[in-house]
């Protein structure tokens, strides 16, 4: 499922409301993730349909998390 900071913000708020105290993000490499890892996932999120080098994908995820947490706190994004 493609995700936006707003969708991620809602998901984080939902998880914190259910007492979830840990969220783990796993970023796949050039060939994705193994079936064993995918089967253990509670949720699957995807970046937009672009190709990102592994290091850039980590930065994109961090930026989305930053925006999502700012939204959760009711803070302006800019």
C-alpha atoms as a PDB file:
ATOM      1  CA  UNK A   1       0.000   0.000   0.000  1.00  0.00           C
ATOM      2  CA  UNK A   2       1.496   3.382  -0.924  1.00  0.00           C
ATOM      3  CA  UNK A   3       1.628   5.645   2.098  1.00  0.00           C
ATOM      4  CA  UNK A   4       1.650   9.317   2.832  1.00  0.00           C
ATOM      5  CA  UNK A   5       2.697  11.121   5.991  1.00  0.00           C
ATOM      6  CA  UNK A   6      -1.014  11.559   6.821  1.00  0.00           C
ATOM      7  CA  UNK A   7      -1.701   7.795   6.526  1.00  0.00           C
ATOM      8  CA  UNK A   8       1.387   7.031   8.583  1.00  0.00           C
ATOM      9  CA  UNK A   9       0.357   9.581  11.204  1.00  0.00           C
ATOM     10  CA  UNK A  10      -3.053   7.932  11.559  1.00  0.00           C
ATOM     11  CA  UNK A  11      -1.438   4.487  11.809  1.00  0.00           C
ATOM     12  CA  UNK A  12       1.032   5.646  14.472  1.00  0.00           C
ATOM     13  CA  UNK A  13      -1.775   7.225  16.483  1.00  0.00           C
ATOM     14  CA  UNK A  14      -3.769   3.989  16.218  1.00  0.00           C
ATOM     15  CA  UNK A  15      -0.829   1.866  17.374  1.00  0.00           C
ATOM     16  CA  UNK A  16      -0.064   4.145  20.310  1.00  0.00           C
ATOM     17  CA  UNK A  17      -3.745   4.048  21.294  1.00  0.00           C
ATOM     18  CA  UNK A  18      -3.597   0.253  21.458  1.00  0.00           C
ATOM     19  CA  UNK A  19      -0.542   0.282  23.718  1.00  0.00           C
ATOM     20  CA  UNK A  20       1.972  -0.624  20.992  1.00  0.00           C
ATOM     21  CA  UNK A  21       5.314   0.640  22.287  1.00  0.00           C
ATOM     22  CA  UNK A  22       7.559  -0.384  19.410  1.00  0.00           C
ATOM     23  CA  UNK A  23       7.399   0.044  15.639  1.00  0.00           C
ATOM     24  CA  UNK A  24      10.019  -1.592  13.440  1.00  0.00           C
ATOM     25  CA  UNK A  25      10.630  -0.611   9.835  1.00  0.00           C
ATOM     26  CA  UNK A  26      12.501  -2.964   7.510  1.00  0.00           C
ATOM     27  CA  UNK A  27      13.705  -1.616   4.180  1.00  0.00           C
ATOM     28  CA  UNK A  28      14.341  -4.212   1.512  1.00  0.00           C
ATOM     29  CA  UNK A  29      17.357  -4.269  -0.725  1.00  0.00           C
ATOM     30  CA  UNK A  30      17.514  -4.378  -4.515  1.00  0.00           C
ATOM     31  CA  UNK A  31      15.709  -7.723  -4.573  1.00  0.00           C
ATOM     32  CA  UNK A  32      13.119  -6.922  -1.912  1.00  0.00           C
ATOM     33  CA  UNK A  33      12.576  -8.969   1.232  1.00  0.00           C
ATOM     34  CA  UNK A  34      12.420 -12.722   1.764  1.00  0.00           C
ATOM     35  CA  UNK A  35       9.046 -14.410   2.157  1.00  0.00           C
ATOM     36  CA  UNK A  36       9.940 -15.246   5.771  1.00  0.00           C
ATOM     37  CA  UNK A  37      10.304 -11.553   6.593  1.00  0.00           C
ATOM     38  CA  UNK A  38       7.147 -10.601   4.700  1.00  0.00           C
ATOM     39  CA  UNK A  39       5.111 -13.274   6.478  1.00  0.00           C
ATOM     40  CA  UNK A  40       6.113 -11.884   9.893  1.00  0.00           C
ATOM     41  CA  UNK A  41       5.060  -8.330   9.008  1.00  0.00           C
ATOM     42  CA  UNK A  42       1.939  -6.905  10.633  1.00  0.00           C
ATOM     43  CA  UNK A  43       1.730  -4.175   7.994  1.00  0.00           C
ATOM     44  CA  UNK A  44       3.379  -3.537   4.655  1.00  0.00           C
ATOM     45  CA  UNK A  45       4.055  -0.068   3.368  1.00  0.00           C
ATOM     46  CA  UNK A  46       5.654   0.952   0.131  1.00  0.00           C
ATOM     47  CA  UNK A  47       7.357   4.034  -1.174  1.00  0.00           C
ATOM     48  CA  UNK A  48       6.082   5.739  -4.340  1.00  0.00           C
ATOM     49  CA  UNK A  49       6.709   3.862  -7.576  1.00  0.00           C
ATOM     50  CA  UNK A  50      10.236   5.188  -8.039  1.00  0.00           C
ATOM     51  CA  UNK A  51      13.535   3.462  -7.709  1.00  0.00           C
ATOM     52  CA  UNK A  52      15.531   4.577  -4.692  1.00  0.00           C
ATOM     53  CA  UNK A  53      19.041   3.520  -3.735  1.00  0.00           C
ATOM     54  CA  UNK A  54      18.986   1.824  -0.325  1.00  0.00           C
ATOM     55  CA  UNK A  55      20.535   4.805   1.464  1.00  0.00           C
ATOM     56  CA  UNK A  56      18.107   7.282  -0.121  1.00  0.00           C
ATOM     57  CA  UNK A  57      15.138   5.064   0.793  1.00  0.00           C
ATOM     58  CA  UNK A  58      16.170   5.331   4.456  1.00  0.00           C
ATOM     59  CA  UNK A  59      16.179   9.130   4.196  1.00  0.00           C
ATOM     60  CA  UNK A  60      12.747   9.130   2.518  1.00  0.00           C
ATOM     61  CA  UNK A  61      11.354   6.931   5.319  1.00  0.00           C
ATOM     62  CA  UNK A  62      12.851   9.221   7.978  1.00  0.00           C
ATOM     63  CA  UNK A  63      11.355  12.278   6.279  1.00  0.00           C
ATOM     64  CA  UNK A  64       7.924  10.612   6.165  1.00  0.00           C
ATOM     65  CA  UNK A  65       8.195   9.676   9.840  1.00  0.00           C
ATOM     66  CA  UNK A  66       9.211  13.225  10.743  1.00  0.00           C
ATOM     67  CA  UNK A  67       6.185  14.644   8.932  1.00  0.00           C
ATOM     68  CA  UNK A  68       3.873  12.004  10.396  1.00  0.00           C
ATOM     69  CA  UNK A  69       4.961  12.746  13.964  1.00  0.00           C
ATOM     70  CA  UNK A  70       4.610  16.498  13.379  1.00  0.00           C
ATOM     71  CA  UNK A  71       1.067  15.891  12.117  1.00  0.00           C
ATOM     72  CA  UNK A  72       0.291  13.734  15.142  1.00  0.00           C
ATOM     73  CA  UNK A  73       1.391  16.563  17.391  1.00  0.00           C
ATOM     74  CA  UNK A  74      -0.759  19.056  15.488  1.00  0.00           C
ATOM     75  CA  UNK A  75       2.278  21.060  14.421  1.00  0.00           C
ATOM     76  CA  UNK A  76       2.536  22.785  11.035  1.00  0.00           C
ATOM     77  CA  UNK A  77       4.703  21.041   8.489  1.00  0.00           C
ATOM     78  CA  UNK A  78       6.415  24.203   7.277  1.00  0.00           C
END
